[in-house]
Amino acid sequence: MRYRPFGRSGSQVSAVSLCVPDSGIRDGERVKLIVGAMELGVSGFEVRAGAEAAETGLGTALTGIDHNLVVVGARIGHVKGEKGSPFQPEAIRAAIQGVLARARLQRLDYVILEDPRVGELSTGSMGMLDAAKRARRLGMIGLSGAPEAVDAFLPTGAFDLLAAPYNIASGWNERNRIKAALNRDMTLIGRDFFTLGDQETGSSPPSPRRGLARLLGGRPAAKADGPYEFLNRTRNWTPEEICLAFALTEPGLASVQVATTSLAQIKALGEATERELPAGLPAQIEMARFSDAPHARQA
């Protein structure tokens, strides 16, 4: 596993980080997953605020671990069926306090506001987050969401971190968004590095189909054809490993998130971070990206 600087924090984080699963896994297996990921070198973990089993499982797995050796974050956003905005000051405060209590932490390295609507973040909400930073209960204030919202919030200078999609299908809009964040000295976390069919891998939380799903028309990786056929015929590389290695060619990314319940998958991806893409493959990726003009123009 390779490690990268986590922005201006002075910390290092593993090139692959884990989104702790909310569901689809038993409590004991979740703890084993987190502990196993740490044994494989993963040092970055993110939970959804309010996912009590995930928060508690993370706390159990981190028992006895020096917090300075890991990077722990939480995402706050709309949950289906819940009333009111999760971005009101009291809601944000309660979410942060809940994560800290259940995960048995003194601080969070970052909080991501997930998909806020334009006009939904009040001065009070941002002031509360700034107060948490001053009290050293929070390291960074992060942002993720729809392109129009991100583009509206980035110029405010209120955020320290951006979690954004980056994959072999990323267009100029996505790349320019990342560049704009780097120009503001923001920390970057990569998402959606590999999205195929109905299964979201490396996406946190699951998002609408984009990236490879958009380009491959929902077909599974084994059936990739046309300009992306090379994903299946590069010797000693799986399509997922190629996509991860490509994402890591963006030096501004501190870490690339993976959402999985499989230790074998984490192990394979961790090993892929140590490898360089075969000669000529980056050029094939760029040619494939521009081979279909309608897709190439999308963000």
Foldseek 3Di string as FASTA:
>chain_A
DDWFDQFPPRAIFAQEAEEQDLDPDDLVLSLVLVLLLVVLPGAEYEYEQPSLSSLLSLLVNCVPPDNSSHAYEYEYADDPPDDDGCQDQVNVVVSLVSSCVNSVHQAHAEYEHEADDVVRHDPNSLVSVVVCVVVVRYNWYEYEHDLVNLVVPLVVLSGQEYEAEDWLQDAPSRVVSLVSNVVSSHQYEYAQLDFAAPDGWLHVPDDPDADVCVVQVRDGPCPDDDLPPVQNVDPPHHNSLVSSLVRVVPVRHRHGYTYDSDSVVSNVNSVSVVDHDPPPVVVSSVCSNPVDPVSNPDD
